[in-house]
Amino acid sequence: MDIQTLTSFFMWCTIINIGFLLFLALVYLLIPNLTYRLQSKFIPISRETFDIVFYSFIGVFKVLVLVFFAIPWIVLLIIG
């Protein structure tokens, strides 16, 4: 596997994951009540706890995308 293939792989991983992150953020911003109602059918949880869990998930997901996809892509661009 050459450096161009790895660079392309990490670029697309970053784009897809950031797109998914934006989708989650938009869903939570535009239809938070529907999101809460759908999830509370599966797991009985209070609204305040749901808000904290969802916000924390988005934050952790963002950090993971940066660490495992965006930073390796930038490094490959620099050394390539």
C-alpha atoms as a PDB file:
ATOM      1  CA  MET A   1       0.000   0.000   0.000  1.00  0.00           C
ATOM      2  CA  ASP A   2       1.509   3.311  -1.030  1.00  0.00           C
ATOM      3  CA  ILE A   3       1.232   6.729   0.585  1.00  0.00           C
ATOM      4  CA  GLN A   4      -1.261   8.013  -2.004  1.00  0.00           C
ATOM      5  CA  THR A   5      -3.684   5.196  -1.226  1.00  0.00           C
ATOM      6  CA  LEU A   6      -3.405   5.827   2.508  1.00  0.00           C
ATOM      7  CA  THR A   7      -3.888   9.552   2.003  1.00  0.00           C
ATOM      8  CA  SER A   8      -6.991   8.941  -0.071  1.00  0.00           C
ATOM      9  CA  PHE A   9      -8.324   6.433   2.471  1.00  0.00           C
ATOM     10  CA  PHE A  10      -7.933   8.824   5.410  1.00  0.00           C
ATOM     11  CA  MET A  11      -9.357  11.711   3.391  1.00  0.00           C
ATOM     12  CA  TRP A  12     -12.563   9.800   2.627  1.00  0.00           C
ATOM     13  CA  CYS A  13     -12.809   8.471   6.177  1.00  0.00           C
ATOM     14  CA  THR A  14     -12.549  12.030   7.473  1.00  0.00           C
ATOM     15  CA  ILE A  15     -15.138  13.362   5.028  1.00  0.00           C
ATOM     16  CA  ILE A  16     -17.650  10.589   5.756  1.00  0.00           C
ATOM     17  CA  ASN A  17     -17.234  10.818   9.526  1.00  0.00           C
ATOM     18  CA  ILE A  18     -17.493  14.613   9.589  1.00  0.00           C
ATOM     19  CA  GLY A  19     -20.611  14.321   7.431  1.00  0.00           C
ATOM     20  CA  PHE A  20     -22.093  11.878   9.921  1.00  0.00           C
ATOM     21  CA  LEU A  21     -21.133  14.199  12.787  1.00  0.00           C
ATOM     22  CA  LEU A  22     -22.846  17.129  11.075  1.00  0.00           C
ATOM     23  CA  PHE A  23     -25.913  14.975  10.426  1.00  0.00           C
ATOM     24  CA  LEU A  24     -26.147  14.046  14.119  1.00  0.00           C
ATOM     25  CA  ALA A  25     -25.729  17.662  15.174  1.00  0.00           C
ATOM     26  CA  LEU A  26     -28.412  18.833  12.741  1.00  0.00           C
ATOM     27  CA  VAL A  27     -30.826  16.128  13.827  1.00  0.00           C
ATOM     28  CA  TYR A  28     -30.332  17.137  17.439  1.00  0.00           C
ATOM     29  CA  LEU A  29     -30.682  20.847  16.676  1.00  0.00           C
ATOM     30  CA  LEU A  30     -33.680  20.596  14.347  1.00  0.00           C
ATOM     31  CA  ILE A  31     -35.764  17.806  15.900  1.00  0.00           C
ATOM     32  CA  PRO A  32     -34.623  17.274  19.492  1.00  0.00           C
ATOM     33  CA  ASN A  33     -38.062  16.285  20.786  1.00  0.00           C
ATOM     34  CA  LEU A  34     -38.513  13.585  18.152  1.00  0.00           C
ATOM     35  CA  THR A  35     -35.024  12.280  18.848  1.00  0.00           C
ATOM     36  CA  TYR A  36     -35.766  12.107  22.570  1.00  0.00           C
ATOM     37  CA  ARG A  37     -39.146  10.415  22.069  1.00  0.00           C
ATOM     38  CA  LEU A  38     -37.694   7.762  19.769  1.00  0.00           C
ATOM     39  CA  GLN A  39     -34.827   6.947  22.107  1.00  0.00           C
ATOM     40  CA  SER A  40     -36.900   7.029  25.284  1.00  0.00           C
ATOM     41  CA  LYS A  41     -39.072   4.230  23.879  1.00  0.00           C
ATOM     42  CA  PHE A  42     -36.054   1.913  23.988  1.00  0.00           C
ATOM     43  CA  ILE A  43     -34.325   3.215  27.116  1.00  0.00           C
ATOM     44  CA  PRO A  44     -36.292   4.974  29.855  1.00  0.00           C
ATOM     45  CA  ILE A  45     -34.241   8.100  30.487  1.00  0.00           C
ATOM     46  CA  SER A  46     -34.997  11.624  31.636  1.00  0.00           C
ATOM     47  CA  ARG A  47     -34.740  14.522  29.187  1.00  0.00           C
ATOM     48  CA  GLU A  48     -31.873  16.165  31.087  1.00  0.00           C
ATOM     49  CA  THR A  49     -29.857  12.939  31.113  1.00  0.00           C
ATOM     50  CA  PHE A  50     -30.574  12.388  27.422  1.00  0.00           C
ATOM     51  CA  ASP A  51     -29.294  15.873  26.588  1.00  0.00           C
ATOM     52  CA  ILE A  52     -26.075  15.261  28.524  1.00  0.00           C
ATOM     53  CA  VAL A  53     -25.525  11.823  26.976  1.00  0.00           C
ATOM     54  CA  PHE A  54     -26.180  13.033  23.422  1.00  0.00           C
ATOM     55  CA  TYR A  55     -23.979  16.109  23.804  1.00  0.00           C
ATOM     56  CA  SER A  56     -21.217  13.964  25.323  1.00  0.00           C
ATOM     57  CA  PHE A  57     -21.499  11.443  22.491  1.00  0.00           C
ATOM     58  CA  ILE A  58     -21.117  14.168  19.876  1.00  0.00           C
ATOM     59  CA  GLY A  59     -18.071  15.545  21.706  1.00  0.00           C
ATOM     60  CA  VAL A  60     -16.367  12.161  22.070  1.00  0.00           C
ATOM     61  CA  PHE A  61     -17.154  11.270  18.454  1.00  0.00           C
ATOM     62  CA  LYS A  62     -15.636  14.555  17.303  1.00  0.00           C
ATOM     63  CA  VAL A  63     -12.423  13.920  19.227  1.00  0.00           C
ATOM     64  CA  LEU A  64     -12.184  10.359  17.898  1.00  0.00           C
ATOM     65  CA  VAL A  65     -12.658  11.522  14.304  1.00  0.00           C
ATOM     66  CA  LEU A  66      -9.935  14.123  14.751  1.00  0.00           C
ATOM     67  CA  VAL A  67      -7.471  11.752  16.397  1.00  0.00           C
ATOM     68  CA  PHE A  68      -7.996   8.678  14.232  1.00  0.00           C
ATOM     69  CA  PHE A  69      -8.838  10.160  10.823  1.00  0.00           C
ATOM     70  CA  ALA A  70      -8.210  13.891  10.376  1.00  0.00           C
ATOM     71  CA  ILE A  71      -4.777  14.096  12.001  1.00  0.00           C
ATOM     72  CA  PRO A  72      -3.369  11.036  10.166  1.00  0.00           C
ATOM     73  CA  TRP A  73      -4.697  12.490   6.907  1.00  0.00           C
ATOM     74  CA  ILE A  74      -3.003  15.834   7.571  1.00  0.00           C
ATOM     75  CA  VAL A  75       0.241  14.080   8.508  1.00  0.00           C
ATOM     76  CA  LEU A  76       0.130  12.040   5.298  1.00  0.00           C
ATOM     77  CA  LEU A  77      -0.448  15.211   3.313  1.00  0.00           C
ATOM     78  CA  ILE A  78       2.585  16.822   4.956  1.00  0.00           C
ATOM     79  CA  ILE A  79       4.952  13.895   4.434  1.00  0.00           C
ATOM     80  CA  GLY A  80       3.578  13.026   0.992  1.00  0.00           C
END
